[in-house]
Amino acid sequence: MHCAKLPGTLAPERQVFADLKAHNSPQLSERFGIEAGDLHPCLETAITELDHHEWRAKVAERIGSNANHLWCAMAKEWAKTIQAETVKAVVGLIRQKLS
């Protein structure tokens, strides 16, 4: 089985964290019922970890959430930041893999 690459040039965690930081998405903190001022320091602290695979768990632990739930919420918010052409390309790759 082959995986289609997500848009961007970085590892998924690095790309999602960087893009959400650049777009300063307030909806992400709302999903967890916390203030953006409480979530953003957690995100900033997490990206100081060398292993980007640990970032989700670090943030989830600090906000009292599950790492998978956090990642799903982050992915949903991140998906809102990508351009329509990129969305069409990704959907096309998914359709191709499913057919």
C-alpha atoms as a PDB file:
ATOM      1  CA  MET A   1       0.000   0.000   0.000  1.00  0.00           C
ATOM      2  CA  HIS A   2       1.275   3.456  -0.869  1.00  0.00           C
ATOM      3  CA  CYS A   3       0.523   6.713   0.913  1.00  0.00           C
ATOM      4  CA  ALA A   4      -0.087   9.998  -0.820  1.00  0.00           C
ATOM      5  CA  LYS A   5       2.044  12.829   0.558  1.00  0.00           C
ATOM      6  CA  LEU A   6       0.274  15.685   2.279  1.00  0.00           C
ATOM      7  CA  PRO A   7       0.720  19.166   0.824  1.00  0.00           C
ATOM      8  CA  GLY A   8       3.767  21.014   2.059  1.00  0.00           C
ATOM      9  CA  THR A   9       7.470  20.401   2.257  1.00  0.00           C
ATOM     10  CA  LEU A  10       7.780  19.355   5.902  1.00  0.00           C
ATOM     11  CA  ALA A  11       6.870  16.324   7.973  1.00  0.00           C
ATOM     12  CA  PRO A  12       3.106  16.430   8.701  1.00  0.00           C
ATOM     13  CA  GLU A  13       3.554  17.518  12.328  1.00  0.00           C
ATOM     14  CA  ARG A  14       6.007  20.241  11.398  1.00  0.00           C
ATOM     15  CA  GLN A  15       3.814  21.452   8.513  1.00  0.00           C
ATOM     16  CA  VAL A  16       0.593  21.540  10.519  1.00  0.00           C
ATOM     17  CA  PHE A  17       2.149  23.244  13.551  1.00  0.00           C
ATOM     18  CA  ALA A  18       3.930  25.818  11.343  1.00  0.00           C
ATOM     19  CA  ASP A  19       0.883  26.597   9.208  1.00  0.00           C
ATOM     20  CA  LEU A  20      -1.436  26.921  12.206  1.00  0.00           C
ATOM     21  CA  LYS A  21       1.080  29.199  13.888  1.00  0.00           C
ATOM     22  CA  ALA A  22       1.287  31.357  10.747  1.00  0.00           C
ATOM     23  CA  HIS A  23      -2.508  31.600  10.488  1.00  0.00           C
ATOM     24  CA  ASN A  24      -2.991  32.090  14.243  1.00  0.00           C
ATOM     25  CA  SER A  25      -6.168  29.995  14.158  1.00  0.00           C
ATOM     26  CA  PRO A  26      -8.432  30.961  17.096  1.00  0.00           C
ATOM     27  CA  GLN A  27     -10.856  28.114  16.390  1.00  0.00           C
ATOM     28  CA  LEU A  28      -8.326  25.552  17.571  1.00  0.00           C
ATOM     29  CA  SER A  29      -8.384  26.735  21.175  1.00  0.00           C
ATOM     30  CA  GLU A  30     -12.189  26.983  21.016  1.00  0.00           C
ATOM     31  CA  ARG A  31     -12.361  23.284  20.123  1.00  0.00           C
ATOM     32  CA  PHE A  32     -10.800  22.494  23.503  1.00  0.00           C
ATOM     33  CA  GLY A  33     -12.681  25.093  25.484  1.00  0.00           C
ATOM     34  CA  ILE A  34      -9.538  26.978  26.440  1.00  0.00           C
ATOM     35  CA  GLU A  35      -8.237  30.450  25.722  1.00  0.00           C
ATOM     36  CA  ALA A  36      -5.843  30.963  22.817  1.00  0.00           C
ATOM     37  CA  GLY A  37      -3.459  32.496  25.341  1.00  0.00           C
ATOM     38  CA  ASP A  38      -3.352  29.140  27.134  1.00  0.00           C
ATOM     39  CA  LEU A  39      -2.990  26.982  24.022  1.00  0.00           C
ATOM     40  CA  HIS A  40      -0.385  28.946  22.075  1.00  0.00           C
ATOM     41  CA  PRO A  41       2.337  28.666  24.750  1.00  0.00           C
ATOM     42  CA  CYS A  42       1.764  24.890  24.756  1.00  0.00           C
ATOM     43  CA  LEU A  43       2.269  24.793  21.002  1.00  0.00           C
ATOM     44  CA  GLU A  44       5.378  26.963  21.263  1.00  0.00           C
ATOM     45  CA  THR A  45       6.857  24.753  23.981  1.00  0.00           C
ATOM     46  CA  ALA A  46       6.091  21.576  22.042  1.00  0.00           C
ATOM     47  CA  ILE A  47       7.993  22.672  18.942  1.00  0.00           C
ATOM     48  CA  THR A  48      11.158  23.006  20.994  1.00  0.00           C
ATOM     49  CA  GLU A  49      11.230  19.198  21.268  1.00  0.00           C
ATOM     50  CA  LEU A  50      13.685  17.683  18.804  1.00  0.00           C
ATOM     51  CA  ASP A  51      11.404  14.768  17.922  1.00  0.00           C
ATOM     52  CA  HIS A  52       8.385  16.238  16.149  1.00  0.00           C
ATOM     53  CA  HIS A  53       6.542  12.951  16.676  1.00  0.00           C
ATOM     54  CA  GLU A  54       6.298  13.900  20.366  1.00  0.00           C
ATOM     55  CA  TRP A  55       4.737  17.320  19.791  1.00  0.00           C
ATOM     56  CA  ARG A  56       1.109  16.140  19.793  1.00  0.00           C
ATOM     57  CA  ALA A  57       1.500  14.199  23.023  1.00  0.00           C
ATOM     58  CA  LYS A  58       3.229  17.127  24.750  1.00  0.00           C
ATOM     59  CA  VAL A  59       0.451  19.568  23.854  1.00  0.00           C
ATOM     60  CA  ALA A  60      -2.313  17.081  24.666  1.00  0.00           C
ATOM     61  CA  GLU A  61      -0.802  16.406  28.075  1.00  0.00           C
ATOM     62  CA  ARG A  62      -0.555  20.112  28.890  1.00  0.00           C
ATOM     63  CA  ILE A  63      -4.164  20.877  27.914  1.00  0.00           C
ATOM     64  CA  GLY A  64      -5.651  17.684  29.350  1.00  0.00           C
ATOM     65  CA  SER A  65      -6.641  16.117  26.055  1.00  0.00           C
ATOM     66  CA  ASN A  66      -5.986  12.971  24.059  1.00  0.00           C
ATOM     67  CA  ALA A  67      -3.180  13.202  21.477  1.00  0.00           C
ATOM     68  CA  ASN A  68      -5.325  11.686  18.709  1.00  0.00           C
ATOM     69  CA  HIS A  69      -8.214  14.032  19.464  1.00  0.00           C
ATOM     70  CA  LEU A  70      -5.793  16.962  19.425  1.00  0.00           C
ATOM     71  CA  TRP A  71      -4.302  15.848  16.103  1.00  0.00           C
ATOM     72  CA  CYS A  72      -7.744  15.493  14.486  1.00  0.00           C
ATOM     73  CA  ALA A  73      -8.714  18.983  15.642  1.00  0.00           C
ATOM     74  CA  MET A  74      -5.407  20.409  14.416  1.00  0.00           C
ATOM     75  CA  ALA A  75      -5.779  18.657  11.056  1.00  0.00           C
ATOM     76  CA  LYS A  76      -9.299  20.034  10.618  1.00  0.00           C
ATOM     77  CA  GLU A  77      -8.150  23.566  11.353  1.00  0.00           C
ATOM     78  CA  TRP A  78      -5.060  23.142   9.172  1.00  0.00           C
ATOM     79  CA  ALA A  79      -7.195  21.935   6.256  1.00  0.00           C
ATOM     80  CA  LYS A  80      -8.969  25.297   6.337  1.00  0.00           C
ATOM     81  CA  THR A  81      -5.648  27.052   5.705  1.00  0.00           C
ATOM     82  CA  ILE A  82      -4.659  25.310   2.480  1.00  0.00           C
ATOM     83  CA  GLN A  83      -5.577  26.746  -0.905  1.00  0.00           C
ATOM     84  CA  ALA A  84      -8.429  25.404  -3.034  1.00  0.00           C
ATOM     85  CA  GLU A  85      -6.049  24.179  -5.773  1.00  0.00           C
ATOM     86  CA  THR A  86      -4.146  22.148  -3.208  1.00  0.00           C
ATOM     87  CA  VAL A  87      -7.368  20.676  -1.844  1.00  0.00           C
ATOM     88  CA  LYS A  88      -8.395  19.613  -5.354  1.00  0.00           C
ATOM     89  CA  ALA A  89      -5.007  17.963  -5.911  1.00  0.00           C
ATOM     90  CA  VAL A  90      -5.210  16.041  -2.631  1.00  0.00           C
ATOM     91  CA  VAL A  91      -8.777  14.917  -3.322  1.00  0.00           C
ATOM     92  CA  GLY A  92      -7.653  13.766  -6.768  1.00  0.00           C
ATOM     93  CA  LEU A  93      -4.824  11.699  -5.235  1.00  0.00           C
ATOM     94  CA  ILE A  94      -7.227  10.112  -2.761  1.00  0.00           C
ATOM     95  CA  ARG A  95      -9.718   9.274  -5.483  1.00  0.00           C
ATOM     96  CA  GLN A  96      -6.948   7.778  -7.582  1.00  0.00           C
ATOM     97  CA  LYS A  97      -5.800   5.559  -4.712  1.00  0.00           C
ATOM     98  CA  LEU A  98      -9.375   4.415  -4.016  1.00  0.00           C
ATOM     99  CA  SER A  99     -10.139   3.456  -7.612  1.00  0.00           C
END
